Amino acid sequence: MHWKLFANLAEVTDQKEVDLDLDSGATVAEALDALFERYPELEAEVREDGELAEHIRLLVDGADPFETAAGYETVLDADAELALFPPVSGG
């Protein structure tokens, strides 16, 4: 699975993109856990009280799994692209 990290999340890990070796059938929750296992410092930026922080946006292949699928239990393909976005502003 391929993760894309944006803004301060990329700065925390010093990586804009991360590949993880997870098989098809893994869930969003398992993919997040694998990402945090590799970059434990990222978890504090992304989770609050064990849940995705309200200000963080997670996409799977361009769609929000919490709106269009089963949230954390969404089953992923091995080649899924996941993205984490912190709040951004600009103009």
PDB file of N, CA and C in Angstrom:
ATOM      1  N   MET A   1       0.837  -1.173   0.000  1.00  0.00           N
ATOM      2  CA  MET A   1       0.000   0.000   0.000  1.00  0.00           C
ATOM      3  C   MET A   1       0.878   1.230   0.000  1.00  0.00           C
ATOM      4  N   HIS A   2       0.358   2.246  -0.589  1.00  0.00           N
ATOM      5  CA  HIS A   2       1.121   3.468  -0.776  1.00  0.00           C
ATOM      6  C   HIS A   2       0.440   4.604  -0.021  1.00  0.00           C
ATOM      7  N   TRP A   3       1.168   5.216   0.870  1.00  0.00           N
ATOM      8  CA  TRP A   3       0.681   6.364   1.626  1.00  0.00           C
ATOM      9  C   TRP A   3       1.273   7.639   1.058  1.00  0.00           C
ATOM     10  N   LYS A   4       0.471   8.683   0.996  1.00  0.00           N
ATOM     11  CA  LYS A   4       0.946  10.033   0.700  1.00  0.00           C
ATOM     12  C   LYS A   4       0.682  10.869   1.947  1.00  0.00           C
ATOM     13  N   LEU A   5       1.704  11.611   2.353  1.00  0.00           N
ATOM     14  CA  LEU A   5       1.609  12.465   3.535  1.00  0.00           C
ATOM     15  C   LEU A   5       1.818  13.911   3.113  1.00  0.00           C
ATOM     16  N   PHE A   6       1.039  14.799   3.678  1.00  0.00           N
ATOM     17  CA  PHE A   6       1.077  16.193   3.259  1.00  0.00           C
ATOM     18  C   PHE A   6       1.417  17.122   4.428  1.00  0.00           C
ATOM     19  N   ALA A   7       1.984  18.265   4.064  1.00  0.00           N
ATOM     20  CA  ALA A   7       2.300  19.365   4.978  1.00  0.00           C
ATOM     21  C   ALA A   7       3.113  18.890   6.175  1.00  0.00           C
ATOM     22  N   ASN A   8       2.677  19.232   7.388  1.00  0.00           N
ATOM     23  CA  ASN A   8       3.475  18.900   8.581  1.00  0.00           C
ATOM     24  C   ASN A   8       3.590  17.396   8.804  1.00  0.00           C
ATOM     25  N   LEU A   9       2.671  16.600   8.266  1.00  0.00           N
ATOM     26  CA  LEU A   9       2.766  15.151   8.425  1.00  0.00           C
ATOM     27  C   LEU A   9       3.968  14.608   7.654  1.00  0.00           C
ATOM     28  N   ALA A  10       4.237  15.177   6.488  1.00  0.00           N
ATOM     29  CA  ALA A  10       5.434  14.800   5.728  1.00  0.00           C
ATOM     30  C   ALA A  10       6.689  15.267   6.452  1.00  0.00           C
ATOM     31  N   GLU A  11       6.612  16.417   7.098  1.00  0.00           N
ATOM     32  CA  GLU A  11       7.767  16.931   7.844  1.00  0.00           C
ATOM     33  C   GLU A  11       8.092  16.051   9.045  1.00  0.00           C
ATOM     34  N   VAL A  12       7.069  15.567   9.734  1.00  0.00           N
ATOM     35  CA  VAL A  12       7.276  14.723  10.915  1.00  0.00           C
ATOM     36  C   VAL A  12       8.024  13.445  10.544  1.00  0.00           C
ATOM     37  N   THR A  13       7.679  12.868   9.407  1.00  0.00           N
ATOM     38  CA  THR A  13       8.291  11.601   8.995  1.00  0.00           C
ATOM     39  C   THR A  13       9.492  11.806   8.079  1.00  0.00           C
ATOM     40  N   ASP A  14       9.663  13.004   7.578  1.00  0.00           N
ATOM     41  CA  ASP A  14      10.688  13.311   6.581  1.00  0.00           C
ATOM     42  C   ASP A  14      10.442  12.522   5.288  1.00  0.00           C
ATOM     43  N   GLN A  15       9.174  12.182   5.058  1.00  0.00           N
ATOM     44  CA  GLN A  15       8.769  11.424   3.871  1.00  0.00           C
ATOM     45  C   GLN A  15       7.450  11.985   3.351  1.00  0.00           C
ATOM     46  N   LYS A  16       7.366  12.192   2.047  1.00  0.00           N
ATOM     47  CA  LYS A  16       6.095  12.588   1.433  1.00  0.00           C
ATOM     48  C   LYS A  16       5.297  11.370   0.995  1.00  0.00           C
ATOM     49  N   GLU A  17       6.009  10.267   0.756  1.00  0.00           N
ATOM     50  CA  GLU A  17       5.356   9.037   0.317  1.00  0.00           C
ATOM     51  C   GLU A  17       6.004   7.852   1.023  1.00  0.00           C
ATOM     52  N   VAL A  18       5.165   6.879   1.398  1.00  0.00           N
ATOM     53  CA  VAL A  18       5.623   5.700   2.134  1.00  0.00           C
ATOM     54  C   VAL A  18       4.943   4.475   1.542  1.00  0.00           C
ATOM     55  N   ASP A  19       5.722   3.473   1.205  1.00  0.00           N
ATOM     56  CA  ASP A  19       5.170   2.199   0.760  1.00  0.00           C
ATOM     57  C   ASP A  19       5.229   1.201   1.905  1.00  0.00           C
ATOM     58  N   LEU A  20       4.111   0.517   2.137  1.00  0.00           N
ATOM     59  CA  LEU A  20       4.035  -0.508   3.174  1.00  0.00           C
ATOM     60  C   LEU A  20       3.633  -1.825   2.527  1.00  0.00           C
ATOM     61  N   ASP A  21       4.218  -2.889   2.997  1.00  0.00           N
ATOM     62  CA  ASP A  21       3.952  -4.210   2.443  1.00  0.00           C
ATOM     63  C   ASP A  21       2.797  -4.855   3.200  1.00  0.00           C
ATOM     64  N   LEU A  22       1.584  -4.547   2.759  1.00  0.00           N
ATOM     65  CA  LEU A  22       0.378  -5.140   3.334  1.00  0.00           C
ATOM     66  C   LEU A  22      -0.368  -5.863   2.220  1.00  0.00           C
ATOM     67  N   ASP A  23      -0.942  -6.992   2.533  1.00  0.00           N
ATOM     68  CA  ASP A  23      -1.675  -7.779   1.552  1.00  0.00           C
ATOM     69  C   ASP A  23      -3.060  -7.207   1.307  1.00  0.00           C
ATOM     70  N   SER A  24      -3.627  -7.550   0.156  1.00  0.00           N
ATOM     71  CA  SER A  24      -5.029  -7.233  -0.098  1.00  0.00           C
ATOM     72  C   SER A  24      -5.844  -7.824   1.039  1.00  0.00           C
ATOM     73  N   GLY A  25      -6.892  -7.126   1.416  1.00  0.00           N
ATOM     74  CA  GLY A  25      -7.731  -7.589   2.511  1.00  0.00           C
ATOM     75  C   GLY A  25      -7.438  -6.886   3.822  1.00  0.00           C
ATOM     76  N   ALA A  26      -6.311  -6.156   3.882  1.00  0.00           N
ATOM     77  CA  ALA A  26      -6.038  -5.357   5.080  1.00  0.00           C
ATOM     78  C   ALA A  26      -7.077  -4.239   5.147  1.00  0.00           C
ATOM     79  N   THR A  27      -7.334  -3.765   6.340  1.00  0.00           N
ATOM     80  CA  THR A  27      -8.305  -2.695   6.527  1.00  0.00           C
ATOM     81  C   THR A  27      -7.602  -1.350   6.680  1.00  0.00           C
ATOM     82  N   VAL A  28      -8.379  -0.291   6.624  1.00  0.00           N
ATOM     83  CA  VAL A  28      -7.847   1.049   6.866  1.00  0.00           C
ATOM     84  C   VAL A  28      -7.191   1.094   8.249  1.00  0.00           C
ATOM     85  N   ALA A  29      -7.820   0.502   9.245  1.00  0.00           N
ATOM     86  CA  ALA A  29      -7.250   0.487  10.599  1.00  0.00           C
ATOM     87  C   ALA A  29      -5.890  -0.200  10.610  1.00  0.00           C
ATOM     88  N   GLU A  30      -5.768  -1.322   9.918  1.00  0.00           N
ATOM     89  CA  GLU A  30      -4.495  -2.045   9.869  1.00  0.00           C
ATOM     90  C   GLU A  30      -3.434  -1.252   9.117  1.00  0.00           C
ATOM     91  N   ALA A  31      -3.835  -0.559   8.061  1.00  0.00           N
ATOM     92  CA  ALA A  31      -2.890   0.268   7.313  1.00  0.00           C
ATOM     93  C   ALA A  31      -2.397   1.431   8.165  1.00  0.00           C
ATOM     94  N   LEU A  32      -3.294   2.043   8.927  1.00  0.00           N
ATOM     95  CA  LEU A  32      -2.881   3.112   9.846  1.00  0.00           C
ATOM     96  C   LEU A  32      -1.925   2.573  10.903  1.00  0.00           C
ATOM     97  N   ASP A  33      -2.256   1.433  11.493  1.00  0.00           N
ATOM     98  CA  ASP A  33      -1.385   0.838  12.509  1.00  0.00           C
ATOM     99  C   ASP A  33       0.002   0.545  11.947  1.00  0.00           C
ATOM    100  N   ALA A  34       0.061   0.038  10.711  1.00  0.00           N
ATOM    101  CA  ALA A  34       1.355  -0.250  10.085  1.00  0.00           C
ATOM    102  C   ALA A  34       2.139   1.033   9.846  1.00  0.00           C
ATOM    103  N   LEU A  35       1.454   2.105   9.459  1.00  0.00           N
ATOM    104  CA  LEU A  35       2.123   3.389   9.257  1.00  0.00           C
ATOM    105  C   LEU A  35       2.675   3.913  10.583  1.00  0.00           C
ATOM    106  N   PHE A  36       1.882   3.806  11.652  1.00  0.00           N
ATOM    107  CA  PHE A  36       2.326   4.281  12.960  1.00  0.00           C
ATOM    108  C   PHE A  36       3.427   3.403  13.541  1.00  0.00           C
ATOM    109  N   GLU A  37       3.435   2.139  13.167  1.00  0.00           N
ATOM    110  CA  GLU A  37       4.512   1.256  13.616  1.00  0.00           C
ATOM    111  C   GLU A  37       5.843   1.709  13.011  1.00  0.00           C
ATOM    112  N   ARG A  38       5.797   2.107  11.744  1.00  0.00           N
ATOM    113  CA  ARG A  38       7.014   2.579  11.089  1.00  0.00           C
ATOM    114  C   ARG A  38       7.400   3.982  11.556  1.00  0.00           C
ATOM    115  N   TYR A  39       6.403   4.845  11.777  1.00  0.00           N
ATOM    116  CA  TYR A  39       6.638   6.233  12.192  1.00  0.00           C
ATOM    117  C   TYR A  39       5.813   6.541  13.439  1.00  0.00           C
ATOM    118  N   PRO A  40       6.262   6.069  14.590  1.00  0.00           N
ATOM    119  CA  PRO A  40       5.477   6.272  15.819  1.00  0.00           C
ATOM    120  C   PRO A  40       5.218   7.742  16.141  1.00  0.00           C
ATOM    121  N   GLU A  41       6.127   8.607  15.747  1.00  0.00           N
ATOM    122  CA  GLU A  41       5.961  10.038  16.022  1.00  0.00           C
ATOM    123  C   GLU A  41       4.784  10.638  15.254  1.00  0.00           C
ATOM    124  N   LEU A  42       4.343   9.980  14.214  1.00  0.00           N
ATOM    125  CA  LEU A  42       3.214  10.456  13.415  1.00  0.00           C
ATOM    126  C   LEU A  42       1.886  10.266  14.136  1.00  0.00           C
ATOM    127  N   GLU A  43       1.806   9.255  14.964  1.00  0.00           N
ATOM    128  CA  GLU A  43       0.538   8.936  15.627  1.00  0.00           C
ATOM    129  C   GLU A  43       0.006  10.106  16.452  1.00  0.00           C
ATOM    130  N   ALA A  44       0.879  10.807  17.146  1.00  0.00           N
ATOM    131  CA  ALA A  44       0.448  11.939  17.970  1.00  0.00           C
ATOM    132  C   ALA A  44      -0.136  13.068  17.124  1.00  0.00           C
ATOM    133  N   GLU A  45       0.276  13.149  15.866  1.00  0.00           N
ATOM    134  CA  GLU A  45      -0.229  14.187  14.970  1.00  0.00           C
ATOM    135  C   GLU A  45      -1.571  13.805  14.345  1.00  0.00           C
ATOM    136  N   VAL A  46      -1.867  12.510  14.305  1.00  0.00           N
ATOM    137  CA  VAL A  46      -3.009  12.016  13.538  1.00  0.00           C
ATOM    138  C   VAL A  46      -4.151  11.493  14.414  1.00  0.00           C
ATOM    139  N   ARG A  47      -3.828  10.940  15.571  1.00  0.00           N
ATOM    140  CA  ARG A  47      -4.856  10.337  16.432  1.00  0.00           C
ATOM    141  C   ARG A  47      -5.082  11.164  17.689  1.00  0.00           C
ATOM    142  N   GLU A  48      -6.338  11.145  18.118  1.00  0.00           N
ATOM    143  CA  GLU A  48      -6.732  11.714  19.407  1.00  0.00           C
ATOM    144  C   GLU A  48      -7.639  10.701  20.083  1.00  0.00           C
ATOM    145  N   ASP A  49      -7.284  10.283  21.273  1.00  0.00           N
ATOM    146  CA  ASP A  49      -8.083   9.310  22.023  1.00  0.00           C
ATOM    147  C   ASP A  49      -8.349   8.038  21.213  1.00  0.00           C
ATOM    148  N   GLY A  50      -7.340   7.588  20.459  1.00  0.00           N
ATOM    149  CA  GLY A  50      -7.451   6.353  19.711  1.00  0.00           C
ATOM    150  C   GLY A  50      -8.193   6.454  18.389  1.00  0.00           C
ATOM    151  N   GLU A  51      -8.708   7.624  18.068  1.00  0.00           N
ATOM    152  CA  GLU A  51      -9.457   7.837  16.830  1.00  0.00           C
ATOM    153  C   GLU A  51      -8.710   8.831  15.948  1.00  0.00           C
ATOM    154  N   LEU A  52      -9.058   8.844  14.676  1.00  0.00           N
ATOM    155  CA  LEU A  52      -8.514   9.832  13.766  1.00  0.00           C
ATOM    156  C   LEU A  52      -8.918  11.211  14.272  1.00  0.00           C
ATOM    157  N   ALA A  53      -7.935  12.096  14.409  1.00  0.00           N
ATOM    158  CA  ALA A  53      -8.228  13.446  14.895  1.00  0.00           C
ATOM    159  C   ALA A  53      -9.233  14.120  13.961  1.00  0.00           C
ATOM    160  N   GLU A  54     -10.103  14.916  14.534  1.00  0.00           N
ATOM    161  CA  GLU A  54     -11.169  15.553  13.779  1.00  0.00           C
ATOM    162  C   GLU A  54     -10.638  16.417  12.633  1.00  0.00           C
ATOM    163  N   HIS A  55      -9.467  16.995  12.812  1.00  0.00           N
ATOM    164  CA  HIS A  55      -8.917  17.899  11.805  1.00  0.00           C
ATOM    165  C   HIS A  55      -8.113  17.179  10.716  1.00  0.00           C
ATOM    166  N   ILE A  56      -7.955  15.868  10.815  1.00  0.00           N
ATOM    167  CA  ILE A  56      -7.198  15.091   9.828  1.00  0.00           C
ATOM    168  C   ILE A  56      -8.146  14.474   8.809  1.00  0.00           C
ATOM    169  N   ARG A  57      -7.774  14.548   7.565  1.00  0.00           N
ATOM    170  CA  ARG A  57      -8.568  13.933   6.485  1.00  0.00           C
ATOM    171  C   ARG A  57      -7.805  12.745   5.945  1.00  0.00           C
ATOM    172  N   LEU A  58      -8.476  11.613   5.810  1.00  0.00           N
ATOM    173  CA  LEU A  58      -7.890  10.397   5.262  1.00  0.00           C
ATOM    174  C   LEU A  58      -8.662  10.024   4.005  1.00  0.00           C
ATOM    175  N   LEU A  59      -7.933   9.756   2.929  1.00  0.00           N
ATOM    176  CA  LEU A  59      -8.559   9.326   1.682  1.00  0.00           C
ATOM    177  C   LEU A  59      -7.984   7.991   1.251  1.00  0.00           C
ATOM    178  N   VAL A  60      -8.822   7.167   0.648  1.00  0.00           N
ATOM    179  CA  VAL A  60      -8.413   5.897   0.058  1.00  0.00           C
ATOM    180  C   VAL A  60      -8.768   5.962  -1.418  1.00  0.00           C
ATOM    181  N   ASP A  61      -7.755   5.916  -2.252  1.00  0.00           N
ATOM    182  CA  ASP A  61      -7.954   6.030  -3.699  1.00  0.00           C
ATOM    183  C   ASP A  61      -8.838   7.224  -4.043  1.00  0.00           C
ATOM    184  N   GLY A  62      -8.600   8.340  -3.347  1.00  0.00           N
ATOM    185  CA  GLY A  62      -9.286   9.587  -3.634  1.00  0.00           C
ATOM    186  C   GLY A  62     -10.638   9.771  -2.979  1.00  0.00           C
ATOM    187  N   ALA A  63     -11.107   8.799  -2.202  1.00  0.00           N
ATOM    188  CA  ALA A  63     -12.421   8.892  -1.560  1.00  0.00           C
ATOM    189  C   ALA A  63     -12.286   8.773  -0.042  1.00  0.00           C
ATOM    190  N   ASP A  64     -13.184   9.409   0.655  1.00  0.00           N
ATOM    191  CA  ASP A  64     -13.196   9.358   2.115  1.00  0.00           C
ATOM    192  C   ASP A  64     -13.908   8.079   2.559  1.00  0.00           C
ATOM    193  N   PRO A  65     -13.181   7.120   3.147  1.00  0.00           N
ATOM    194  CA  PRO A  65     -13.803   5.848   3.520  1.00  0.00           C
ATOM    195  C   PRO A  65     -14.820   5.983   4.642  1.00  0.00           C
ATOM    196  N   PHE A  66     -14.801   7.094   5.355  1.00  0.00           N
ATOM    197  CA  PHE A  66     -15.762   7.302   6.429  1.00  0.00           C
ATOM    198  C   PHE A  66     -17.096   7.804   5.873  1.00  0.00           C
ATOM    199  N   GLU A  67     -17.072   8.325   4.639  1.00  0.00           N
ATOM    200  CA  GLU A  67     -18.294   8.790   3.996  1.00  0.00           C
ATOM    201  C   GLU A  67     -18.795   7.808   2.938  1.00  0.00           C
ATOM    202  N   THR A  68     -17.869   7.105   2.272  1.00  0.00           N
ATOM    203  CA  THR A  68     -18.263   6.285   1.119  1.00  0.00           C
ATOM    204  C   THR A  68     -18.106   4.790   1.336  1.00  0.00           C
ATOM    205  N   ALA A  69     -17.544   4.386   2.478  1.00  0.00           N
ATOM    206  CA  ALA A  69     -17.300   2.956   2.704  1.00  0.00           C
ATOM    207  C   ALA A  69     -17.500   2.660   4.193  1.00  0.00           C
ATOM    208  N   ALA A  70     -16.761   1.696   4.712  1.00  0.00           N
ATOM    209  CA  ALA A  70     -16.957   1.216   6.085  1.00  0.00           C
ATOM    210  C   ALA A  70     -15.962   1.811   7.088  1.00  0.00           C
ATOM    211  N   GLY A  71     -15.448   3.004   6.799  1.00  0.00           N
ATOM    212  CA  GLY A  71     -14.543   3.659   7.736  1.00  0.00           C
ATOM    213  C   GLY A  71     -13.291   2.844   7.981  1.00  0.00           C
ATOM    214  N   TYR A  72     -12.964   2.629   9.255  1.00  0.00           N
ATOM    215  CA  TYR A  72     -11.756   1.883   9.621  1.00  0.00           C
ATOM    216  C   TYR A  72     -11.789   0.442   9.109  1.00  0.00           C
ATOM    217  N   GLU A  73     -12.975  -0.099   8.919  1.00  0.00           N
ATOM    218  CA  GLU A  73     -13.104  -1.491   8.482  1.00  0.00           C
ATOM    219  C   GLU A  73     -13.112  -1.641   6.961  1.00  0.00           C
ATOM    220  N   THR A  74     -12.917  -0.549   6.239  1.00  0.00           N
ATOM    221  CA  THR A  74     -12.846  -0.605   4.781  1.00  0.00           C
ATOM    222  C   THR A  74     -11.703  -1.519   4.368  1.00  0.00           C
ATOM    223  N   VAL A  75     -12.009  -2.486   3.523  1.00  0.00           N
ATOM    224  CA  VAL A  75     -11.013  -3.445   3.046  1.00  0.00           C
ATOM    225  C   VAL A  75     -10.273  -2.832   1.863  1.00  0.00           C
ATOM    226  N   LEU A  76      -8.953  -2.983   1.875  1.00  0.00           N
ATOM    227  CA  LEU A  76      -8.088  -2.354   0.885  1.00  0.00           C
ATOM    228  C   LEU A  76      -7.462  -3.371  -0.059  1.00  0.00           C
ATOM    229  N   ASP A  77      -7.198  -2.943  -1.271  1.00  0.00           N
ATOM    230  CA  ASP A  77      -6.385  -3.714  -2.206  1.00  0.00           C
ATOM    231  C   ASP A  77      -4.922  -3.483  -1.861  1.00  0.00           C
ATOM    232  N   ALA A  78      -4.065  -4.409  -2.238  1.00  0.00           N
ATOM    233  CA  ALA A  78      -2.633  -4.284  -1.950  1.00  0.00           C
ATOM    234  C   ALA A  78      -2.028  -3.051  -2.608  1.00  0.00           C
ATOM    235  N   ASP A  79      -2.614  -2.592  -3.707  1.00  0.00           N
ATOM    236  CA  ASP A  79      -2.074  -1.422  -4.400  1.00  0.00           C
ATOM    237  C   ASP A  79      -2.854  -0.143  -4.094  1.00  0.00           C
ATOM    238  N   ALA A  80      -3.596  -0.130  -2.999  1.00  0.00           N
ATOM    239  CA  ALA A  80      -4.379   1.046  -2.621  1.00  0.00           C
ATOM    240  C   ALA A  80      -3.464   2.236  -2.342  1.00  0.00           C
ATOM    241  N   GLU A  81      -3.971   3.418  -2.669  1.00  0.00           N
ATOM    242  CA  GLU A  81      -3.270   4.657  -2.331  1.00  0.00           C
ATOM    243  C   GLU A  81      -4.048   5.359  -1.232  1.00  0.00           C
ATOM    244  N   LEU A  82      -3.374   5.586  -0.123  1.00  0.00           N
ATOM    245  CA  LEU A  82      -3.981   6.264   1.014  1.00  0.00           C
ATOM    246  C   LEU A  82      -3.295   7.605   1.192  1.00  0.00           C
ATOM    247  N   ALA A  83      -4.037   8.584   1.658  1.00  0.00           N
ATOM    248  CA  ALA A  83      -3.470   9.908   1.849  1.00  0.00           C
ATOM    249  C   ALA A  83      -3.947  10.486   3.168  1.00  0.00           C
ATOM    250  N   LEU A  84      -3.058  11.182   3.857  1.00  0.00           N
ATOM    251  CA  LEU A  84      -3.387  11.889   5.095  1.00  0.00           C
ATOM    252  C   LEU A  84      -3.128  13.371   4.896  1.00  0.00           C
ATOM    253  N   PHE A  85      -4.149  14.163   5.220  1.00  0.00           N
ATOM    254  CA  PHE A  85      -4.080  15.614   5.074  1.00  0.00           C
ATOM    255  C   PHE A  85      -4.344  16.286   6.417  1.00  0.00           C
ATOM    256  N   PRO A  86      -3.464  17.153   6.855  1.00  0.00           N
ATOM    257  CA  PRO A  86      -3.767  17.986   8.006  1.00  0.00           C
ATOM    258  C   PRO A  86      -4.572  19.188   7.513  1.00  0.00           C
ATOM    259  N   PRO A  87      -5.052  20.017   8.427  1.00  0.00           N
ATOM    260  CA  PRO A  87      -5.752  21.219   7.969  1.00  0.00           C
ATOM    261  C   PRO A  87      -4.778  22.112   7.201  1.00  0.00           C
ATOM    262  N   VAL A  88      -5.274  22.725   6.162  1.00  0.00           N
ATOM    263  CA  VAL A  88      -4.442  23.640   5.380  1.00  0.00           C
ATOM    264  C   VAL A  88      -5.205  24.929   5.173  1.00  0.00           C
ATOM    265  N   SER A  89      -4.465  25.982   4.982  1.00  0.00           N
ATOM    266  CA  SER A  89      -5.082  27.273   4.668  1.00  0.00           C
ATOM    267  C   SER A  89      -4.213  27.961   3.644  1.00  0.00           C
ATOM    268  N   GLY A  90      -4.755  28.921   3.060  1.00  0.00           N
ATOM    269  CA  GLY A  90      -3.991  29.656   2.064  1.00  0.00           C
ATOM    270  C   GLY A  90      -4.923  30.445   1.194  1.00  0.00           C
ATOM    271  N   GLY A  91      -4.361  31.033   0.213  1.00  0.00           N
ATOM    272  CA  GLY A  91      -5.213  31.837  -0.640  1.00  0.00           C
ATOM    273  C   GLY A  91      -4.518  32.205  -1.896  1.00  0.00           C
TER     274      GLY A  91
END
